[in-house]
Structures are given as structure tokens and as C-alpha cells.
Amino acid sequence: MRTSSLLLIGSALALTVNAGAAMADTTAGEAVFKKCRVCHSNIEGKKKVGPSLYGVVGRTPGTLAGYKYSASMIDFGKTGAVWDAKTLGTYLIKPRALVTKTKMMFPGLKKEADRTAVIEYLDSLDN
């Protein structure tokens, strides 16, 4: 009985620690997102100079209705690309290296931790 109680307490602690780590990543990502907020919204349907990034994780590039994308972004989406952690991680290093004629003028996020955190944050928006 005592071993079962200890296992239960240990499991609860592990869940709490993991939830706290996820919250920290999201918080860090929200802070990094301030750099994106100049041109992008994190609210569904609210576009700015750039498209809303609400729900971007899992979306095909160049397909959000109501936003006029560059031909190169639309073509990139037609390759079968999806905005997942890997694709966003590559894009956010230097956007024009992945999509040569994108309208996005952002120079990129140099720190891997910043890219990871903002992707975690973006992924959390529609969950």
C-alpha cells in the first residue's frame, strides 16, 4: 500500500513539473512573440501587415483565407510543406533562405531557444 502511495505521489509530481515546464516554454514564447507582433496577430482572423499566426502550426503555407500572400509563399505551400516545428524552425532562422521572395522582411531569430519557445507558444494558441 505504501509503495502505491509513493508511486501515485511521484506521478503527480512528475505531471506538475512537466506542466510547469510547458507553461514556462509558452511564457518564454509569448515574450519572443513580441518581436512578431509588429506585423502579426495572435488572434484568430485578425490580420495585420502579415497574416494572423493563430493556428499557424499545422497550416499549409500561403493558404490562410483573406490574406494576400506572395507568389513564392503560395508556391512553397504547393510543394506539400506544412508549418510544423521543423519547417517553422528553419524558416525562423532566416525567412528568405527558405522562401526566397517572401514578403516577410524579418531578419530571423538567431537563438534556437527563441525559435523553439515561439513555436511552442504558437502551437498553444489553438489548443
Protein backbone atom coordinates (compact mmCIF):
# COMPACT_ATOMS: atom_id res chain seq x y z
CA MET A 1 0.00 0.00 0.00
CA ARG A 2 2.81 2.36 0.91
CA THR A 3 4.61 1.75 -2.42
CA SER A 4 1.40 2.51 -4.34
CA SER A 5 1.00 5.80 -2.49
CA LEU A 6 4.60 6.78 -3.23
CA LEU A 7 4.16 5.92 -6.91
CA LEU A 8 0.99 7.99 -7.05
CA ILE A 9 2.68 10.97 -5.38
CA GLY A 10 5.71 10.61 -7.66
CA SER A 11 3.47 10.53 -10.75
CA ALA A 12 1.57 13.61 -9.59
CA LEU A 13 4.86 15.45 -9.00
CA ALA A 14 6.14 14.50 -12.46
CA LEU A 15 2.93 15.78 -14.08
CA THR A 16 3.17 19.03 -12.13
CA VAL A 17 6.81 19.54 -13.12
CA ASN A 18 6.08 18.76 -16.79
CA ALA A 19 3.08 21.12 -16.82
CA GLY A 20 5.25 23.82 -15.25
CA ALA A 21 7.93 23.31 -17.89
CA ALA A 22 5.35 23.59 -20.67
CA MET A 23 3.97 26.76 -19.08
CA ALA A 24 7.49 28.21 -18.89
CA ASP A 25 8.09 27.45 -22.58
CA THR A 26 4.80 29.10 -23.53
CA THR A 27 5.60 32.14 -21.40
CA ALA A 28 9.05 32.44 -22.96
CA GLY A 29 7.49 32.05 -26.40
CA GLU A 30 4.94 34.75 -25.70
CA ALA A 31 7.81 37.09 -24.79
CA VAL A 32 9.63 36.24 -28.04
CA PHE A 33 6.36 36.74 -29.96
CA LYS A 34 6.57 40.46 -29.10
CA LYS A 35 9.09 40.68 -31.96
CA CYS A 36 6.48 39.20 -34.31
CA ARG A 37 3.58 41.28 -33.01
CA VAL A 38 4.67 44.31 -35.03
CA CYS A 39 3.39 42.57 -38.17
CA HIS A 40 1.41 39.55 -36.97
CA SER A 41 -1.56 38.98 -34.70
CA ASN A 42 -2.00 36.02 -32.39
CA ILE A 43 -5.79 36.36 -32.62
CA GLU A 44 -7.84 34.22 -34.99
CA GLY A 45 -8.95 36.17 -38.06
CA LYS A 46 -7.08 39.37 -37.16
CA LYS A 47 -4.51 40.17 -39.81
CA LYS A 48 -2.02 43.00 -39.73
CA VAL A 49 0.72 43.63 -42.29
CA GLY A 50 1.22 39.85 -42.11
CA PRO A 51 -1.34 37.10 -41.60
CA SER A 52 -2.64 36.04 -38.19
CA LEU A 53 -0.40 33.37 -36.69
CA TYR A 54 -3.26 31.85 -34.72
CA GLY A 55 -3.44 28.24 -35.86
CA VAL A 56 -0.31 28.50 -38.00
CA VAL A 57 1.16 25.24 -36.68
CA GLY A 58 -0.21 22.55 -38.98
CA ARG A 59 -1.28 25.00 -41.70
CA THR A 60 -0.09 24.82 -45.30
CA PRO A 61 1.98 27.93 -46.14
CA GLY A 62 0.22 30.57 -48.20
CA THR A 63 -3.31 29.31 -47.56
CA LEU A 64 -4.93 31.45 -44.84
CA ALA A 65 -8.10 32.89 -46.37
CA GLY A 66 -8.27 36.66 -46.53
CA TYR A 67 -4.54 37.33 -46.71
CA LYS A 68 -2.70 38.11 -49.94
CA TYR A 69 0.48 36.06 -49.92
CA SER A 70 3.45 36.42 -52.25
CA ALA A 71 3.53 34.02 -55.19
CA SER A 72 6.65 32.41 -53.70
CA MET A 73 4.86 31.64 -50.41
CA ILE A 74 1.90 30.16 -52.30
CA ASP A 75 4.30 28.08 -54.41
CA PHE A 76 6.09 26.93 -51.25
CA GLY A 77 2.77 25.71 -49.87
CA LYS A 78 2.09 23.82 -53.10
CA THR A 79 5.24 21.74 -52.52
CA GLY A 80 3.42 19.95 -49.70
CA ALA A 81 5.13 21.98 -46.97
CA VAL A 82 3.34 22.38 -43.64
CA TRP A 83 4.15 24.81 -40.87
CA ASP A 84 5.32 22.30 -38.30
CA ALA A 85 8.10 22.66 -35.72
CA LYS A 86 10.81 21.67 -38.21
CA THR A 87 9.65 23.92 -41.06
CA LEU A 88 8.97 26.89 -38.78
CA GLY A 89 12.30 26.34 -37.06
CA THR A 90 14.11 26.52 -40.40
CA TYR A 91 12.03 29.47 -41.64
CA LEU A 92 12.55 31.50 -38.48
CA ILE A 93 16.33 31.30 -38.75
CA LYS A 94 16.26 33.36 -41.94
CA PRO A 95 12.88 33.51 -43.72
CA ARG A 96 14.23 34.44 -47.14
CA ALA A 97 16.61 31.49 -47.12
CA LEU A 98 13.62 29.12 -47.20
CA VAL A 99 11.10 31.20 -49.20
CA THR A 100 13.26 33.43 -51.38
CA LYS A 101 10.72 36.08 -52.35
CA THR A 102 8.55 36.10 -49.24
CA LYS A 103 7.06 39.46 -48.33
CA MET A 104 8.29 38.96 -44.76
CA MET A 105 11.18 41.32 -44.08
CA PHE A 106 12.01 39.91 -40.64
CA PRO A 107 15.72 39.01 -40.39
CA GLY A 108 15.06 35.92 -38.27
CA LEU A 109 15.57 34.59 -34.76
CA LYS A 110 19.20 33.61 -34.27
CA LYS A 111 18.79 31.78 -30.95
CA GLU A 112 17.46 28.23 -31.16
CA ALA A 113 15.84 28.65 -27.73
CA ASP A 114 13.86 31.65 -29.02
CA ARG A 115 12.70 29.75 -32.10
CA THR A 116 11.67 26.73 -30.04
CA ALA A 117 9.85 28.87 -27.48
CA VAL A 118 7.89 30.91 -30.03
CA ILE A 119 6.87 27.76 -31.93
CA GLU A 120 5.63 26.22 -28.66
CA TYR A 121 3.68 29.40 -28.00
CA LEU A 122 2.16 29.48 -31.47
CA ASP A 123 1.21 25.81 -31.16
CA SER A 124 -0.56 26.56 -27.87
CA LEU A 125 -2.79 29.27 -29.32
CA ASP A 126 -5.39 26.98 -30.87
CA ASN A 127 -5.28 24.18 -28.29
